[in-house]
């Protein structure tokens, strides 16, 4: 995996005292209530994008913002072009929330009607909602493209060496994988300095170390992991640091991200 940057309120539930009989207690059918239900609706969607011409080899999920039309267009014309590799089906999707400016929302809707490669849910598009954006992508893959082989999540200010990526995924020694997750693995802990962009309050994350996680600039995973992460997220307290949060979900799943060689 080779990626470069070009130079150019949580719901709380009140605990009431419950008295139960000690007789004939069974917990088999009890389900815990989601603490992060992701109760957002698609306002722009491409539900049939994976249905034509067989299952995709790779789905590319690109986190972007409303004003980054030029970046999206550059990706469409270069590394994200779905027709770059003959005989290999690639699906490219740009991920967005809703903007406070209705004009920008309308422009994105018009763009989607032309290119059919944009997915939007009705959460506020902001830095602190990047995790929601990634979870939207996971939900989309699990719901509309579960038969894909691989998924890549990246950002719109990243350039991906697709030749290198496809070569590595297609190597004869590369067998079909499940529960697979790779990227630039980071081992670190929370930053407690409130001035930092990556500040993490103790009440949100009291531990002194994060589980290993892959940089959000670009990571690859087998498509089955999308549903696993999305379902795990429903019972995992939301954090604004998207890549750290995905790492937390992976830890719950017992999936260990491994360092990509390049």
C-alpha atoms as a PDB file:
ATOM      1  CA  UNK A   1       0.000   0.000   0.000  1.00  0.00           C
ATOM      2  CA  UNK A   2       1.587   3.245  -1.117  1.00  0.00           C
ATOM      3  CA  UNK A   3      -0.156   6.503  -0.309  1.00  0.00           C
ATOM      4  CA  UNK A   4       1.230  10.017  -0.302  1.00  0.00           C
ATOM      5  CA  UNK A   5      -0.101  13.492   0.298  1.00  0.00           C
ATOM      6  CA  UNK A   6       0.485  15.648  -2.812  1.00  0.00           C
ATOM      7  CA  UNK A   7       2.493  18.811  -2.289  1.00  0.00           C
ATOM      8  CA  UNK A   8       0.465  21.181  -4.489  1.00  0.00           C
ATOM      9  CA  UNK A   9     -22.957  13.891  22.772  1.00  0.00           C
ATOM     10  CA  UNK A  10     -23.260  10.629  23.848  1.00  0.00           C
ATOM     11  CA  UNK A  11     -26.527   9.206  25.076  1.00  0.00           C
ATOM     12  CA  UNK A  12     -26.560   8.036  28.660  1.00  0.00           C
ATOM     13  CA  UNK A  13     -29.079   5.614  30.062  1.00  0.00           C
ATOM     14  CA  UNK A  14     -30.329   5.926  33.630  1.00  0.00           C
ATOM     15  CA  UNK A  15     -29.808   2.839  35.724  1.00  0.00           C
ATOM     16  CA  UNK A  16     -32.876   2.068  37.787  1.00  0.00           C
ATOM     17  CA  UNK A  17     -32.913  -0.448  40.593  1.00  0.00           C
ATOM     18  CA  UNK A  18     -34.290  -3.750  39.352  1.00  0.00           C
ATOM     19  CA  UNK A  19     -35.438  -6.585  41.587  1.00  0.00           C
ATOM     20  CA  UNK A  20     -35.533 -10.011  39.969  1.00  0.00           C
ATOM     21  CA  UNK A  21     -36.268 -13.482  41.188  1.00  0.00           C
ATOM     22  CA  UNK A  22     -33.340 -15.857  41.538  1.00  0.00           C
ATOM     23  CA  UNK A  23     -35.497 -18.613  40.110  1.00  0.00           C
ATOM     24  CA  UNK A  24     -35.423 -19.699  36.476  1.00  0.00           C
ATOM     25  CA  UNK A  25     -33.178 -16.893  35.276  1.00  0.00           C
ATOM     26  CA  UNK A  26     -32.099 -17.098  31.652  1.00  0.00           C
ATOM     27  CA  UNK A  27     -29.934 -14.586  29.816  1.00  0.00           C
ATOM     28  CA  UNK A  28     -29.907 -16.305  26.455  1.00  0.00           C
ATOM     29  CA  UNK A  29     -32.311 -13.912  24.728  1.00  0.00           C
ATOM     30  CA  UNK A  30     -31.163 -10.664  26.316  1.00  0.00           C
ATOM     31  CA  UNK A  31     -29.678  -8.115  23.911  1.00  0.00           C
ATOM     32  CA  UNK A  32     -27.879  -5.009  25.020  1.00  0.00           C
ATOM     33  CA  UNK A  33     -29.124  -1.683  23.730  1.00  0.00           C
ATOM     34  CA  UNK A  34     -26.741  -0.034  21.230  1.00  0.00           C
ATOM     35  CA  UNK A  35     -24.837   2.865  22.751  1.00  0.00           C
ATOM     36  CA  UNK A  36     -23.942   4.197  19.299  1.00  0.00           C
ATOM     37  CA  UNK A  37     -26.946   3.297  17.116  1.00  0.00           C
ATOM     38  CA  UNK A  38     -25.804   5.235  14.003  1.00  0.00           C
ATOM     39  CA  UNK A  39     -29.389   6.324  13.361  1.00  0.00           C
ATOM     40  CA  UNK A  40     -28.684   8.291  10.196  1.00  0.00           C
ATOM     41  CA  UNK A  41     -30.382   8.055   6.819  1.00  0.00           C
ATOM     42  CA  UNK A  42     -28.813   8.045   3.371  1.00  0.00           C
ATOM     43  CA  UNK A  43     -29.769  11.254   1.582  1.00  0.00           C
ATOM     44  CA  UNK A  44     -27.644  10.399  -1.451  1.00  0.00           C
ATOM     45  CA  UNK A  45     -26.953   6.760  -2.193  1.00  0.00           C
ATOM     46  CA  UNK A  46     -25.785   4.423  -4.954  1.00  0.00           C
ATOM     47  CA  UNK A  47     -27.314   1.113  -3.817  1.00  0.00           C
ATOM     48  CA  UNK A  48     -26.914  -0.611  -7.199  1.00  0.00           C
ATOM     49  CA  UNK A  49     -23.301   0.354  -7.851  1.00  0.00           C
ATOM     50  CA  UNK A  50     -21.974  -3.144  -7.098  1.00  0.00           C
ATOM     51  CA  UNK A  51     -24.679  -5.111  -8.894  1.00  0.00           C
ATOM     52  CA  UNK A  52     -23.452  -4.849 -12.483  1.00  0.00           C
ATOM     53  CA  UNK A  53     -20.615  -6.857 -14.059  1.00  0.00           C
ATOM     54  CA  UNK A  54     -19.923  -9.097 -11.087  1.00  0.00           C
ATOM     55  CA  UNK A  55     -18.607  -8.472  -7.612  1.00  0.00           C
ATOM     56  CA  UNK A  56     -15.921  -5.793  -7.251  1.00  0.00           C
ATOM     57  CA  UNK A  57     -12.340  -6.741  -6.555  1.00  0.00           C
ATOM     58  CA  UNK A  58     -11.831  -3.477  -4.679  1.00  0.00           C
ATOM     59  CA  UNK A  59     -14.113  -0.808  -3.218  1.00  0.00           C
ATOM     60  CA  UNK A  60     -12.405   2.527  -2.559  1.00  0.00           C
ATOM     61  CA  UNK A  61     -14.021   4.678   0.143  1.00  0.00           C
ATOM     62  CA  UNK A  62     -12.759   8.256   0.011  1.00  0.00           C
ATOM     63  CA  UNK A  63     -13.489  10.689   2.829  1.00  0.00           C
ATOM     64  CA  UNK A  64     -14.028  14.145   1.371  1.00  0.00           C
ATOM     65  CA  UNK A  65     -15.717  17.497   2.026  1.00  0.00           C
ATOM     66  CA  UNK A  66     -18.201  19.508  -0.004  1.00  0.00           C
ATOM     67  CA  UNK A  67     -15.744  22.106  -1.264  1.00  0.00           C
ATOM     68  CA  UNK A  68     -13.231  19.545  -2.552  1.00  0.00           C
ATOM     69  CA  UNK A  69     -14.752  19.135  -6.016  1.00  0.00           C
ATOM     70  CA  UNK A  70     -11.408  19.654  -7.745  1.00  0.00           C
ATOM     71  CA  UNK A  71      -9.809  16.927  -5.638  1.00  0.00           C
ATOM     72  CA  UNK A  72     -12.651  14.519  -6.419  1.00  0.00           C
ATOM     73  CA  UNK A  73     -12.404  15.268 -10.102  1.00  0.00           C
ATOM     74  CA  UNK A  74      -8.647  14.710 -10.077  1.00  0.00           C
ATOM     75  CA  UNK A  75      -9.167  11.328  -8.427  1.00  0.00           C
ATOM     76  CA  UNK A  76     -11.825  10.380 -10.992  1.00  0.00           C
ATOM     77  CA  UNK A  77      -9.397  11.206 -13.781  1.00  0.00           C
ATOM     78  CA  UNK A  78      -6.336   9.497 -12.257  1.00  0.00           C
ATOM     79  CA  UNK A  79      -5.894   6.775  -9.646  1.00  0.00           C
ATOM     80  CA  UNK A  80      -9.588   6.463  -8.754  1.00  0.00           C
ATOM     81  CA  UNK A  81     -10.792   5.918 -12.311  1.00  0.00           C
ATOM     82  CA  UNK A  82     -12.930   2.776 -12.207  1.00  0.00           C
ATOM     83  CA  UNK A  83     -11.848   1.693 -15.692  1.00  0.00           C
ATOM     84  CA  UNK A  84      -8.080   1.848 -15.134  1.00  0.00           C
ATOM     85  CA  UNK A  85      -7.638  -1.912 -14.832  1.00  0.00           C
ATOM     86  CA  UNK A  86      -9.111  -4.083 -17.554  1.00  0.00           C
ATOM     87  CA  UNK A  87     -10.826  -7.148 -16.166  1.00  0.00           C
ATOM     88  CA  UNK A  88     -10.668  -5.883 -12.585  1.00  0.00           C
ATOM     89  CA  UNK A  89     -13.817  -4.269 -11.237  1.00  0.00           C
ATOM     90  CA  UNK A  90     -13.123  -1.308  -8.999  1.00  0.00           C
ATOM     91  CA  UNK A  91     -15.812   0.796  -7.309  1.00  0.00           C
ATOM     92  CA  UNK A  92     -14.952   4.310  -6.136  1.00  0.00           C
ATOM     93  CA  UNK A  93     -17.148   6.146  -3.631  1.00  0.00           C
ATOM     94  CA  UNK A  94     -16.813   9.567  -2.027  1.00  0.00           C
ATOM     95  CA  UNK A  95     -18.154   9.856   1.529  1.00  0.00           C
ATOM     96  CA  UNK A  96     -19.880  12.993   2.831  1.00  0.00           C
ATOM     97  CA  UNK A  97     -22.182  14.235   5.567  1.00  0.00           C
ATOM     98  CA  UNK A  98     -24.584  17.176   5.301  1.00  0.00           C
ATOM     99  CA  UNK A  99     -23.262  20.717   5.111  1.00  0.00           C
ATOM    100  CA  UNK A 100     -24.813  23.713   6.880  1.00  0.00           C
ATOM    101  CA  UNK A 101     -24.810  25.538   3.537  1.00  0.00           C
ATOM    102  CA  UNK A 102     -27.762  24.374   1.396  1.00  0.00           C
ATOM    103  CA  UNK A 103     -26.019  25.623  -1.748  1.00  0.00           C
ATOM    104  CA  UNK A 104     -23.092  23.267  -1.176  1.00  0.00           C
ATOM    105  CA  UNK A 105     -25.491  20.392  -0.534  1.00  0.00           C
ATOM    106  CA  UNK A 106     -27.263  21.146  -3.811  1.00  0.00           C
ATOM    107  CA  UNK A 107     -23.970  21.276  -5.701  1.00  0.00           C
ATOM    108  CA  UNK A 108     -22.959  17.875  -4.314  1.00  0.00           C
ATOM    109  CA  UNK A 109     -26.356  16.454  -5.278  1.00  0.00           C
ATOM    110  CA  UNK A 110     -25.914  17.716  -8.836  1.00  0.00           C
ATOM    111  CA  UNK A 111     -22.396  16.264  -8.903  1.00  0.00           C
ATOM    112  CA  UNK A 112     -23.715  12.894  -7.782  1.00  0.00           C
ATOM    113  CA  UNK A 113     -26.321  12.901 -10.560  1.00  0.00           C
ATOM    114  CA  UNK A 114     -23.486  13.244 -13.065  1.00  0.00           C
ATOM    115  CA  UNK A 115     -20.918  10.823 -11.654  1.00  0.00           C
ATOM    116  CA  UNK A 116     -22.944   8.445  -9.446  1.00  0.00           C
ATOM    117  CA  UNK A 117     -20.056   7.997  -7.029  1.00  0.00           C
ATOM    118  CA  UNK A 118     -21.151   9.952  -3.924  1.00  0.00           C
ATOM    119  CA  UNK A 119     -22.794   8.710  -0.732  1.00  0.00           C
ATOM    120  CA  UNK A 120     -24.195  11.090   1.900  1.00  0.00           C
ATOM    121  CA  UNK A 121     -25.821  10.515   5.282  1.00  0.00           C
ATOM    122  CA  UNK A 122     -27.680  13.168   7.276  1.00  0.00           C
ATOM    123  CA  UNK A 123     -25.085  13.836   9.972  1.00  0.00           C
ATOM    124  CA  UNK A 124     -23.212  17.143  10.090  1.00  0.00           C
ATOM    125  CA  UNK A 125     -20.070  17.018   7.976  1.00  0.00           C
ATOM    126  CA  UNK A 126     -17.241  18.104  10.290  1.00  0.00           C
ATOM    127  CA  UNK A 127     -13.802  17.063  11.521  1.00  0.00           C
ATOM    128  CA  UNK A 128     -15.267  15.662  14.723  1.00  0.00           C
ATOM    129  CA  UNK A 129     -17.640  13.483  12.681  1.00  0.00           C
ATOM    130  CA  UNK A 130     -14.983  11.766  10.574  1.00  0.00           C
ATOM    131  CA  UNK A 131     -15.685   8.555  12.480  1.00  0.00           C
ATOM    132  CA  UNK A 132     -19.345   8.705  11.418  1.00  0.00           C
ATOM    133  CA  UNK A 133     -18.199   9.135   7.840  1.00  0.00           C
ATOM    134  CA  UNK A 134     -16.063   6.001   7.960  1.00  0.00           C
ATOM    135  CA  UNK A 135     -18.836   4.025   9.667  1.00  0.00           C
ATOM    136  CA  UNK A 136     -21.181   5.128   6.885  1.00  0.00           C
ATOM    137  CA  UNK A 137     -18.736   3.615   4.406  1.00  0.00           C
ATOM    138  CA  UNK A 138     -18.546   0.369   6.390  1.00  0.00           C
ATOM    139  CA  UNK A 139     -22.345   0.252   6.544  1.00  0.00           C
ATOM    140  CA  UNK A 140     -22.595   0.831   2.800  1.00  0.00           C
ATOM    141  CA  UNK A 141     -20.200  -1.995   1.964  1.00  0.00           C
ATOM    142  CA  UNK A 142     -21.927  -4.382   4.383  1.00  0.00           C
ATOM    143  CA  UNK A 143     -25.374  -3.515   2.985  1.00  0.00           C
ATOM    144  CA  UNK A 144     -24.820  -2.981  -0.719  1.00  0.00           C
ATOM    145  CA  UNK A 145     -21.462  -4.541  -1.613  1.00  0.00           C
ATOM    146  CA  UNK A 146     -20.764  -7.408   0.768  1.00  0.00           C
ATOM    147  CA  UNK A 147     -19.425  -9.685  -1.989  1.00  0.00           C
ATOM    148  CA  UNK A 148     -16.481  -7.420  -2.771  1.00  0.00           C
ATOM    149  CA  UNK A 149     -13.064  -8.887  -2.022  1.00  0.00           C
ATOM    150  CA  UNK A 150     -11.241  -5.889  -0.619  1.00  0.00           C
ATOM    151  CA  UNK A 151     -11.996  -2.374   0.608  1.00  0.00           C
ATOM    152  CA  UNK A 152      -9.698   0.606   0.896  1.00  0.00           C
ATOM    153  CA  UNK A 153     -10.471   3.669   3.000  1.00  0.00           C
ATOM    154  CA  UNK A 154      -8.516   6.839   2.273  1.00  0.00           C
ATOM    155  CA  UNK A 155      -8.845  10.628   2.057  1.00  0.00           C
ATOM    156  CA  UNK A 156      -9.335  12.978  -0.886  1.00  0.00           C
ATOM    157  CA  UNK A 157      -5.947  14.671  -0.355  1.00  0.00           C
ATOM    158  CA  UNK A 158      -4.100  11.372  -0.834  1.00  0.00           C
ATOM    159  CA  UNK A 159      -2.507   9.962  -3.983  1.00  0.00           C
ATOM    160  CA  UNK A 160      -2.648   6.165  -4.161  1.00  0.00           C
ATOM    161  CA  UNK A 161      -0.239   4.081  -6.231  1.00  0.00           C
ATOM    162  CA  UNK A 162      -2.920   1.794  -7.627  1.00  0.00           C
ATOM    163  CA  UNK A 163      -0.545  -0.251  -9.784  1.00  0.00           C
ATOM    164  CA  UNK A 164       1.422  -1.218  -6.695  1.00  0.00           C
ATOM    165  CA  UNK A 165      -1.719  -1.881  -4.681  1.00  0.00           C
ATOM    166  CA  UNK A 166      -3.419  -4.081  -7.270  1.00  0.00           C
ATOM    167  CA  UNK A 167      -0.172  -5.961  -7.918  1.00  0.00           C
ATOM    168  CA  UNK A 168       0.213  -6.824  -4.238  1.00  0.00           C
ATOM    169  CA  UNK A 169      -3.407  -7.884  -3.825  1.00  0.00           C
ATOM    170  CA  UNK A 170      -3.255 -10.037  -6.972  1.00  0.00           C
ATOM    171  CA  UNK A 171       0.053 -11.800  -6.247  1.00  0.00           C
ATOM    172  CA  UNK A 172      -0.231 -15.578  -6.704  1.00  0.00           C
ATOM    173  CA  UNK A 173       0.839 -16.043  -3.095  1.00  0.00           C
ATOM    174  CA  UNK A 174      -2.047 -13.885  -1.922  1.00  0.00           C
ATOM    175  CA  UNK A 175      -4.921 -16.186  -1.053  1.00  0.00           C
ATOM    176  CA  UNK A 176      -8.489 -14.969  -0.458  1.00  0.00           C
ATOM    177  CA  UNK A 177      -8.532 -13.455   2.993  1.00  0.00           C
ATOM    178  CA  UNK A 178     -11.005 -12.898   5.790  1.00  0.00           C
ATOM    179  CA  UNK A 179     -10.596 -10.786   8.916  1.00  0.00           C
ATOM    180  CA  UNK A 180      -7.733  -9.049   7.119  1.00  0.00           C
ATOM    181  CA  UNK A 181      -6.638  -5.488   7.908  1.00  0.00           C
ATOM    182  CA  UNK A 182      -3.437  -3.719   6.900  1.00  0.00           C
ATOM    183  CA  UNK A 183      -1.933  -0.257   6.608  1.00  0.00           C
ATOM    184  CA  UNK A 184       0.571   1.944   8.388  1.00  0.00           C
ATOM    185  CA  UNK A 185       0.268   0.632  11.945  1.00  0.00           C
ATOM    186  CA  UNK A 186       0.669   3.130  14.780  1.00  0.00           C
ATOM    187  CA  UNK A 187       1.335   2.289  18.410  1.00  0.00           C
ATOM    188  CA  UNK A 188       0.749   5.217  20.714  1.00  0.00           C
ATOM    189  CA  UNK A 189      -1.342   6.753  23.413  1.00  0.00           C
ATOM    190  CA  UNK A 190      -3.820   9.590  23.866  1.00  0.00           C
ATOM    191  CA  UNK A 191      -2.695  13.208  23.768  1.00  0.00           C
ATOM    192  CA  UNK A 192      -4.026  15.101  26.778  1.00  0.00           C
ATOM    193  CA  UNK A 193      -3.013  18.594  25.611  1.00  0.00           C
ATOM    194  CA  UNK A 194      -6.275  20.451  24.908  1.00  0.00           C
ATOM    195  CA  UNK A 195      -4.510  22.534  22.259  1.00  0.00           C
ATOM    196  CA  UNK A 196      -3.775  19.510  20.113  1.00  0.00           C
ATOM    197  CA  UNK A 197      -5.846  18.512  17.099  1.00  0.00           C
ATOM    198  CA  UNK A 198      -5.671  14.950  18.440  1.00  0.00           C
ATOM    199  CA  UNK A 199      -6.659  15.812  22.032  1.00  0.00           C
ATOM    200  CA  UNK A 200      -8.414  12.963  23.798  1.00  0.00           C
ATOM    201  CA  UNK A 201     -10.228  13.693  27.099  1.00  0.00           C
ATOM    202  CA  UNK A 202      -9.746  11.182  29.905  1.00  0.00           C
ATOM    203  CA  UNK A 203     -13.489  10.788  30.358  1.00  0.00           C
ATOM    204  CA  UNK A 204     -13.758   9.557  26.773  1.00  0.00           C
ATOM    205  CA  UNK A 205     -10.675   7.349  26.848  1.00  0.00           C
ATOM    206  CA  UNK A 206      -9.098   6.766  30.274  1.00  0.00           C
ATOM    207  CA  UNK A 207      -6.517   4.199  29.157  1.00  0.00           C
ATOM    208  CA  UNK A 208      -2.882   5.271  28.770  1.00  0.00           C
ATOM    209  CA  UNK A 209      -2.362   3.481  25.439  1.00  0.00           C
ATOM    210  CA  UNK A 210      -4.352   2.975  22.272  1.00  0.00           C
ATOM    211  CA  UNK A 211      -4.586  -0.462  20.699  1.00  0.00           C
ATOM    212  CA  UNK A 212      -2.566  -0.726  17.462  1.00  0.00           C
ATOM    213  CA  UNK A 213      -4.380   1.150  14.699  1.00  0.00           C
ATOM    214  CA  UNK A 214      -3.777   2.022  11.066  1.00  0.00           C
ATOM    215  CA  UNK A 215      -3.342   5.612   9.964  1.00  0.00           C
ATOM    216  CA  UNK A 216      -6.578   6.953   8.538  1.00  0.00           C
ATOM    217  CA  UNK A 217      -4.737   8.235   5.473  1.00  0.00           C
ATOM    218  CA  UNK A 218      -5.130   4.786   3.945  1.00  0.00           C
ATOM    219  CA  UNK A 219      -5.820   1.212   4.986  1.00  0.00           C
ATOM    220  CA  UNK A 220      -6.968  -1.981   3.271  1.00  0.00           C
ATOM    221  CA  UNK A 221      -9.235  -4.701   4.620  1.00  0.00           C
ATOM    222  CA  UNK A 222     -11.183  -7.704   3.418  1.00  0.00           C
ATOM    223  CA  UNK A 223     -14.813  -6.843   2.763  1.00  0.00           C
ATOM    224  CA  UNK A 224     -16.129  -9.079   5.575  1.00  0.00           C
ATOM    225  CA  UNK A 225     -14.463  -6.732   8.075  1.00  0.00           C
ATOM    226  CA  UNK A 226     -16.757  -3.866   7.046  1.00  0.00           C
ATOM    227  CA  UNK A 227     -19.816  -5.546   8.574  1.00  0.00           C
ATOM    228  CA  UNK A 228     -17.833  -6.698  11.604  1.00  0.00           C
ATOM    229  CA  UNK A 229     -16.608  -3.181  12.361  1.00  0.00           C
ATOM    230  CA  UNK A 230     -19.996  -1.594  11.727  1.00  0.00           C
ATOM    231  CA  UNK A 231     -21.832  -4.002  14.037  1.00  0.00           C
ATOM    232  CA  UNK A 232     -19.133  -3.670  16.699  1.00  0.00           C
ATOM    233  CA  UNK A 233     -19.379   0.115  16.516  1.00  0.00           C
ATOM    234  CA  UNK A 234     -23.021  -0.047  17.594  1.00  0.00           C
ATOM    235  CA  UNK A 235     -21.817  -1.185  21.014  1.00  0.00           C
ATOM    236  CA  UNK A 236     -18.614   0.860  21.184  1.00  0.00           C
ATOM    237  CA  UNK A 237     -18.574   4.383  22.570  1.00  0.00           C
ATOM    238  CA  UNK A 238     -17.938   6.829  19.761  1.00  0.00           C
ATOM    239  CA  UNK A 239     -14.600   8.643  19.558  1.00  0.00           C
ATOM    240  CA  UNK A 240     -13.835  11.548  17.226  1.00  0.00           C
ATOM    241  CA  UNK A 241     -10.422  10.145  16.200  1.00  0.00           C
ATOM    242  CA  UNK A 242     -11.518   7.898  13.367  1.00  0.00           C
ATOM    243  CA  UNK A 243      -8.446   5.730  12.973  1.00  0.00           C
ATOM    244  CA  UNK A 244      -8.120   5.183  16.725  1.00  0.00           C
ATOM    245  CA  UNK A 245     -11.803   4.228  16.899  1.00  0.00           C
ATOM    246  CA  UNK A 246     -11.450   1.669  14.135  1.00  0.00           C
ATOM    247  CA  UNK A 247      -8.507   0.242  16.087  1.00  0.00           C
ATOM    248  CA  UNK A 248     -10.716  -0.092  19.163  1.00  0.00           C
ATOM    249  CA  UNK A 249     -13.307  -2.004  17.153  1.00  0.00           C
ATOM    250  CA  UNK A 250     -10.595  -4.273  15.760  1.00  0.00           C
ATOM    251  CA  UNK A 251      -9.383  -5.033  19.287  1.00  0.00           C
ATOM    252  CA  UNK A 252     -12.903  -6.055  20.310  1.00  0.00           C
ATOM    253  CA  UNK A 253     -13.043  -8.310  17.259  1.00  0.00           C
ATOM    254  CA  UNK A 254      -9.661  -9.885  17.946  1.00  0.00           C
ATOM    255  CA  UNK A 255      -8.350  -8.675  14.581  1.00  0.00           C
ATOM    256  CA  UNK A 256      -4.736  -7.535  14.611  1.00  0.00           C
ATOM    257  CA  UNK A 257      -3.804  -4.977  11.930  1.00  0.00           C
ATOM    258  CA  UNK A 258      -0.439  -5.700  10.408  1.00  0.00           C
ATOM    259  CA  UNK A 259       2.170  -3.377   9.009  1.00  0.00           C
ATOM    260  CA  UNK A 260       2.112  -3.056   5.251  1.00  0.00           C
ATOM    261  CA  UNK A 261       5.503  -3.266   3.595  1.00  0.00           C
ATOM    262  CA  UNK A 262       4.900  -0.367   1.230  1.00  0.00           C
END
